[in-house]
Amino acid sequence: MLDRDALTRLGIDVEEGVACCAGDPEFFDEMVVEYLDESAERLAELARLYKSRDWSQYTRCAHSIKSTSMMIGARSLADLARTMELLGKEADEAAILAEHEDFLGRYAGFADELRAVVDAAG
């Protein structure tokens, strides 16, 4: 089982995450690991879409990050992803360009810290 205190320190509302996972703590742990496993691919996708300025697909990727972050109780990151999703829907290129690095950095940092928690659990 993943360290609930460590997850809370990362900003994950474990209770909310477990509730989103049908109240099943083991399923929650599986979802956290899956979330982490997908993060490297999503980070690369965000960077690629940003570079190509494919805002439609960037918006889709931000939506996915929002949804999966909410599923594990990572509300702060979900809120940031939602902001990026809305900027994409509005086709606000200037705002996306201004906020992308912060979004990418916070998501990458969260994934790195989450990796340490998952690795510690074995």
Protein backbone atom coordinates (compact mmCIF):
# COMPACT_ATOMS: atom_id res chain seq x y z
CA MET A 1 0.00 0.00 0.00
CA LEU A 2 1.20 3.50 -0.84
CA ASP A 3 2.10 5.79 2.05
CA ARG A 4 -1.05 7.84 2.61
CA ASP A 5 0.79 10.54 4.57
CA ALA A 6 3.34 10.97 1.78
CA LEU A 7 0.55 11.23 -0.80
CA THR A 8 -1.18 13.86 1.34
CA ARG A 9 2.06 15.86 1.56
CA LEU A 10 2.10 15.86 -2.27
CA GLY A 11 -1.31 17.49 -2.26
CA ILE A 12 -3.35 14.37 -2.96
CA ASP A 13 -6.66 14.14 -1.15
CA VAL A 14 -6.46 10.40 -0.52
CA GLU A 15 -10.03 10.20 0.76
CA GLU A 16 -11.31 11.85 -2.40
CA GLY A 17 -9.12 9.63 -4.57
CA VAL A 18 -10.32 6.45 -2.89
CA ALA A 19 -13.92 7.66 -3.26
CA CYS A 20 -13.33 8.21 -7.00
CA CYS A 21 -12.02 4.64 -7.17
CA ALA A 22 -15.27 3.07 -5.98
CA GLY A 23 -14.13 3.29 -2.36
CA ASP A 24 -11.48 0.63 -3.02
CA PRO A 25 -8.06 1.54 -1.54
CA GLU A 26 -6.25 -1.12 -3.58
CA PHE A 27 -7.82 0.16 -6.79
CA PHE A 28 -6.79 3.68 -5.78
CA ASP A 29 -3.18 2.52 -5.42
CA GLU A 30 -3.38 0.90 -8.87
CA MET A 31 -4.74 4.13 -10.35
CA VAL A 32 -1.94 6.17 -8.76
CA VAL A 33 0.65 3.83 -10.26
CA GLU A 34 -1.09 3.96 -13.67
CA TYR A 35 -1.25 7.76 -13.43
CA LEU A 36 2.47 7.84 -12.79
CA ASP A 37 3.22 5.37 -15.59
CA GLU A 38 1.34 7.58 -18.06
CA SER A 39 2.92 10.83 -16.88
CA ALA A 40 6.14 10.55 -18.91
CA GLU A 41 4.17 10.00 -22.11
CA ARG A 42 1.82 12.87 -21.33
CA LEU A 43 4.73 15.20 -20.53
CA ALA A 44 6.36 14.36 -23.85
CA GLU A 45 3.05 14.80 -25.64
CA LEU A 46 2.47 18.21 -24.04
CA ALA A 47 5.95 19.36 -25.08
CA ARG A 48 5.47 18.08 -28.63
CA LEU A 49 2.04 19.66 -29.02
CA TYR A 50 3.28 22.94 -27.57
CA LYS A 51 6.20 23.00 -29.99
CA SER A 52 3.93 22.29 -32.96
CA ARG A 53 1.28 24.68 -31.61
CA ASP A 54 -1.42 22.07 -32.04
CA TRP A 55 -3.78 23.68 -29.57
CA SER A 56 -6.66 21.34 -30.28
CA GLN A 57 -4.66 18.28 -29.27
CA TYR A 58 -2.93 20.23 -26.49
CA THR A 59 -6.39 20.95 -25.09
CA ARG A 60 -7.27 17.26 -25.28
CA CYS A 61 -4.07 16.33 -23.43
CA ALA A 62 -4.71 18.95 -20.73
CA HIS A 63 -8.24 17.56 -20.36
CA SER A 64 -6.83 14.05 -19.84
CA ILE A 65 -4.40 15.31 -17.21
CA LYS A 66 -7.24 17.15 -15.48
CA SER A 67 -9.46 14.08 -15.41
CA THR A 68 -6.83 11.64 -14.22
CA SER A 69 -5.53 14.10 -11.63
CA MET A 70 -9.03 14.50 -10.24
CA MET A 71 -9.43 10.72 -10.14
CA ILE A 72 -6.49 10.36 -7.76
CA GLY A 73 -7.41 13.41 -5.68
CA ALA A 74 -4.67 15.71 -7.00
CA ARG A 75 -7.00 18.71 -7.10
CA SER A 76 -4.36 21.46 -7.39
CA LEU A 77 -2.83 19.87 -10.48
CA ALA A 78 -6.30 19.13 -11.87
CA ASP A 79 -7.22 22.80 -11.44
CA LEU A 80 -4.08 23.90 -13.28
CA ALA A 81 -4.77 21.42 -16.09
CA ARG A 82 -8.35 22.71 -16.26
CA THR A 83 -7.04 26.24 -16.69
CA MET A 84 -4.85 25.08 -19.57
CA GLU A 85 -7.74 23.16 -21.07
CA LEU A 86 -9.94 26.27 -21.00
CA LEU A 87 -7.18 28.38 -22.55
CA GLY A 88 -6.98 25.82 -25.33
CA LYS A 89 -10.73 25.81 -25.86
CA GLU A 90 -10.60 29.60 -26.10
CA ALA A 91 -7.66 29.32 -28.52
CA ASP A 92 -5.81 31.82 -26.31
CA GLU A 93 -2.37 31.18 -27.74
CA ALA A 94 -0.72 34.05 -25.87
CA ALA A 95 -1.92 32.73 -22.52
CA ILE A 96 -0.92 29.15 -23.36
CA LEU A 97 2.53 30.36 -24.37
CA ALA A 98 2.81 32.30 -21.11
CA GLU A 99 1.59 29.49 -18.84
CA HIS A 100 2.91 26.34 -20.51
CA GLU A 101 6.32 26.18 -18.81
CA ASP A 102 4.76 26.52 -15.37
CA PHE A 103 2.19 23.83 -16.19
CA LEU A 104 4.83 21.47 -17.57
CA GLY A 105 7.16 22.10 -14.63
CA ARG A 106 4.51 21.57 -11.99
CA TYR A 107 3.26 18.41 -13.65
CA ALA A 108 6.80 17.05 -14.04
CA GLY A 109 7.68 17.94 -10.45
CA PHE A 110 4.52 16.27 -9.17
CA ALA A 111 5.32 13.14 -11.18
CA ASP A 112 8.88 13.06 -9.82
CA GLU A 113 7.69 13.35 -6.24
CA LEU A 114 4.98 10.75 -6.84
CA ARG A 115 7.62 8.40 -8.29
CA ALA A 116 9.52 8.57 -4.99
CA VAL A 117 6.37 7.57 -3.06
CA VAL A 118 5.60 4.69 -5.42
CA ASP A 119 9.22 3.48 -5.43
CA ALA A 120 9.33 3.58 -1.62
CA ALA A 121 6.29 1.27 -1.52
CA GLY A 122 8.19 -1.29 -3.57
